Amino acid sequence: MTSTPHPRPESEADDVARAVAGDTVAFERLYRTHVPRILALTRRMAGPDRADELTQDVFVRAWQKLALFRGESSLATWLHRMAVNVVIEQFRTLGTARDRFIPDGDDVLTRVPGPDAGRRWQTSMDLDTAMARLPQGARTVFVLHDVEGYRHEEIGTLLGVSIGTSKSQLHRARMALRGHLTAEAVS
């Protein structure tokens, strides 16, 4: 008796249905399709040191909750929202709510190293490197607002902060990024 190969699903919806029924091969296809975007999001929000672990958490949660996916939005949108929630939940779990924001009156630009800062600063810096230097909360607000397109009201709700805090953190993040990038451009 010969075995017939597992038929290739015709759509992502087919893979979702099969994964809900327990088909790990179908879920692996979904994972491979969506992991680059989710990894990039977790890297931008939480930094490269925690991105892999958080991405795995997102897909473990997706596997557990895939039956709740109703298809009202795309799977990519559903996973994106789940990733944002996983990262924010991680911040809360670690108790970093107070330390992740740039305090009012803190002039982050005075902390930008000059040209004599040593070899750890490279002459060509990209935005991802500059973003990684931001305090966690300021980076999160910047990514959610300027990269992912969330409104301040949504960010406030997600992070448990006021709209004003979201706006001020975004301003401080932009100024710090400008300072980091300008310092690198002149060195």
Protein backbone atom coordinates (compact mmCIF):
# COMPACT_ATOMS: atom_id res chain seq x y z
CA MET A 1 0.00 0.00 0.00
CA THR A 2 1.43 3.38 -0.95
CA SER A 3 0.83 6.45 1.07
CA THR A 4 -0.51 9.51 -0.62
CA PRO A 5 1.10 12.80 0.24
CA HIS A 6 -0.80 15.23 2.41
CA PRO A 7 -2.66 17.48 -0.05
CA ARG A 8 -1.49 21.09 -0.08
CA PRO A 9 -4.23 23.40 1.22
CA GLU A 10 -5.53 25.87 -1.26
CA SER A 11 -5.59 28.85 1.08
CA GLU A 12 -4.49 30.19 4.40
CA ALA A 13 -8.04 29.62 5.64
CA ASP A 14 -7.60 25.92 4.85
CA ASP A 15 -4.39 25.88 6.88
CA VAL A 16 -6.15 27.62 9.76
CA ALA A 17 -8.99 25.08 9.70
CA ARG A 18 -6.55 22.17 9.58
CA ALA A 19 -4.40 23.62 12.36
CA VAL A 20 -7.49 24.09 14.55
CA ALA A 21 -8.19 20.39 13.98
CA GLY A 22 -4.68 19.61 15.23
CA ASP A 23 -2.69 19.46 12.00
CA THR A 24 0.80 20.57 13.05
CA VAL A 25 2.04 20.64 9.44
CA ALA A 26 -0.64 23.21 8.58
CA PHE A 27 0.30 25.26 11.64
CA GLU A 28 3.96 25.09 10.64
CA ARG A 29 3.07 26.57 7.25
CA LEU A 30 1.22 29.40 9.01
CA TYR A 31 4.22 29.89 11.29
CA ARG A 32 6.70 30.06 8.41
CA THR A 33 4.50 32.55 6.58
CA HIS A 34 4.05 34.92 9.52
CA VAL A 35 7.15 34.55 11.70
CA PRO A 36 9.29 37.14 9.86
CA ARG A 37 6.78 39.94 10.46
CA ILE A 38 6.09 38.94 14.08
CA LEU A 39 9.82 38.64 14.82
CA ALA A 40 10.43 42.09 13.34
CA LEU A 41 7.64 43.54 15.48
CA THR A 42 8.88 41.95 18.72
CA ARG A 43 12.44 43.05 17.90
CA ARG A 44 11.31 46.64 17.41
CA MET A 45 9.17 46.67 20.53
CA ALA A 46 11.30 44.71 22.97
CA GLY A 47 14.78 44.71 21.48
CA PRO A 48 16.84 41.95 19.92
CA ASP A 49 17.67 40.22 23.20
CA ARG A 50 14.07 39.26 23.92
CA ALA A 51 12.59 39.10 20.42
CA ASP A 52 13.08 35.37 19.78
CA GLU A 53 11.54 34.34 23.09
CA LEU A 54 8.59 36.70 22.69
CA THR A 55 8.00 35.52 19.12
CA GLN A 56 7.87 31.94 20.34
CA ASP A 57 5.40 33.01 23.05
CA VAL A 58 3.20 34.58 20.37
CA PHE A 59 3.07 31.40 18.32
CA VAL A 60 2.53 29.17 21.35
CA ARG A 61 -0.41 31.39 22.27
CA ALA A 62 -1.60 31.37 18.65
CA TRP A 63 -1.59 27.55 18.64
CA GLN A 64 -3.57 27.53 21.89
CA LYS A 65 -6.10 30.14 20.74
CA LEU A 66 -6.35 29.50 17.02
CA ALA A 67 -9.85 28.07 17.47
CA LEU A 68 -10.92 31.54 18.67
CA PHE A 69 -9.81 33.14 15.39
CA ARG A 70 -13.07 34.06 13.65
CA GLY A 71 -11.65 35.29 10.38
CA GLU A 72 -13.14 38.78 10.74
CA SER A 73 -9.68 40.16 10.05
CA SER A 74 -6.70 38.59 8.35
CA LEU A 75 -4.63 36.09 10.26
CA ALA A 76 -1.69 38.52 9.94
CA THR A 77 -3.71 41.22 11.74
CA TRP A 78 -4.82 38.78 14.43
CA LEU A 79 -1.22 37.61 15.02
CA HIS A 80 0.04 41.21 15.02
CA ARG A 81 -2.41 42.19 17.73
CA MET A 82 -1.54 39.08 19.70
CA ALA A 83 2.18 39.93 19.43
CA VAL A 84 1.60 43.48 20.70
CA ASN A 85 -0.38 42.07 23.63
CA VAL A 86 2.28 39.46 24.43
CA VAL A 87 5.04 42.09 24.49
CA ILE A 88 3.01 44.48 26.63
CA GLU A 89 2.03 41.65 28.97
CA GLN A 90 5.74 40.84 29.30
CA PHE A 91 6.48 44.44 30.29
CA ARG A 92 3.81 44.31 32.97
CA THR A 93 4.95 40.91 34.23
CA LEU A 94 8.51 42.12 34.59
CA GLY A 95 7.32 45.17 36.49
CA THR A 96 8.98 47.59 34.13
CA ALA A 97 6.04 49.97 33.84
CA ARG A 98 7.79 52.80 35.68
CA ASP A 99 11.31 52.31 34.34
CA ARG A 100 10.44 52.02 30.68
CA PHE A 101 9.57 55.65 30.03
CA ILE A 102 11.81 58.66 29.73
CA PRO A 103 11.06 60.74 32.86
CA ASP A 104 9.71 64.25 32.43
CA GLY A 105 12.56 66.70 32.46
CA ASP A 106 15.14 64.06 31.49
CA ASP A 107 17.17 65.42 28.62
CA VAL A 108 18.01 62.25 26.67
CA LEU A 109 20.02 64.28 24.23
CA THR A 110 22.63 64.97 26.90
CA ARG A 111 23.21 61.22 27.05
CA VAL A 112 24.06 60.93 23.38
CA PRO A 113 27.76 60.06 23.14
CA GLY A 114 30.11 62.31 21.26
CA PRO A 115 32.61 61.32 18.60
CA ASP A 116 35.08 60.16 21.25
CA ALA A 117 32.68 57.59 22.74
CA GLY A 118 34.85 54.66 21.71
CA ARG A 119 34.67 51.77 19.32
CA ARG A 120 31.27 50.51 20.42
CA TRP A 121 29.67 53.30 18.38
CA GLN A 122 29.91 52.68 14.68
CA THR A 123 30.00 55.48 12.17
CA SER A 124 27.01 54.19 10.27
CA MET A 125 23.96 53.66 12.43
CA ASP A 126 20.54 52.63 11.26
CA LEU A 127 17.18 53.39 12.79
CA ASP A 128 16.88 49.95 14.40
CA THR A 129 20.14 50.48 16.28
CA ALA A 130 19.04 53.94 17.39
CA MET A 131 15.66 52.58 18.49
CA ALA A 132 17.36 49.88 20.54
CA ARG A 133 19.01 52.64 22.58
CA LEU A 134 15.70 54.11 23.65
CA PRO A 135 14.21 53.24 27.03
CA GLN A 136 11.77 50.36 26.63
CA GLY A 137 8.55 52.36 27.01
CA ALA A 138 9.60 55.18 24.72
CA ARG A 139 10.60 52.61 22.10
CA THR A 140 7.28 50.82 22.50
CA VAL A 141 5.28 54.02 22.04
CA PHE A 142 7.40 54.98 19.02
CA VAL A 143 6.97 51.58 17.38
CA LEU A 144 3.25 51.39 18.08
CA HIS A 145 2.57 54.92 16.83
CA ASP A 146 5.08 55.70 14.09
CA VAL A 147 5.77 52.21 12.77
CA GLU A 148 2.58 50.26 13.38
CA GLY A 149 0.08 53.13 13.11
CA TYR A 150 -1.71 52.89 16.44
CA ARG A 151 -3.47 56.00 17.76
CA HIS A 152 -2.52 57.49 21.12
CA GLU A 153 -5.87 56.38 22.56
CA GLU A 154 -5.10 52.77 21.62
CA ILE A 155 -1.55 53.01 22.96
CA GLY A 156 -2.82 54.45 26.23
CA THR A 157 -5.24 51.57 26.61
CA LEU A 158 -2.65 48.93 25.70
CA LEU A 159 0.03 50.30 28.01
CA GLY A 160 -2.22 51.52 30.80
CA VAL A 161 -1.02 55.12 30.49
CA SER A 162 -2.74 58.40 29.69
CA ILE A 163 -2.96 59.77 26.17
CA GLY A 164 -0.74 62.65 27.30
CA THR A 165 1.93 60.21 28.49
CA SER A 166 1.81 58.44 25.14
CA LYS A 167 2.19 61.73 23.29
CA SER A 168 5.04 62.96 25.48
CA GLN A 169 6.89 59.63 25.20
CA LEU A 170 6.52 59.73 21.43
CA HIS A 171 7.95 63.25 21.35
CA ARG A 172 10.85 62.28 23.61
CA ALA A 173 11.53 59.13 21.57
CA ARG A 174 11.62 61.12 18.34
CA MET A 175 13.97 63.71 19.86
CA ALA A 176 16.25 61.00 21.26
CA LEU A 177 16.31 59.21 17.91
CA ARG A 178 17.11 62.46 16.13
CA GLY A 179 19.93 63.05 18.62
CA HIS A 180 21.32 59.55 18.24
CA LEU A 181 21.20 59.66 14.46
CA THR A 182 22.59 63.21 14.25
CA ALA A 183 25.47 62.34 16.60
CA GLU A 184 26.36 59.37 14.44
CA ALA A 185 26.13 61.37 11.23
CA VAL A 186 28.68 63.94 12.43
CA SER A 187 31.12 61.47 13.98
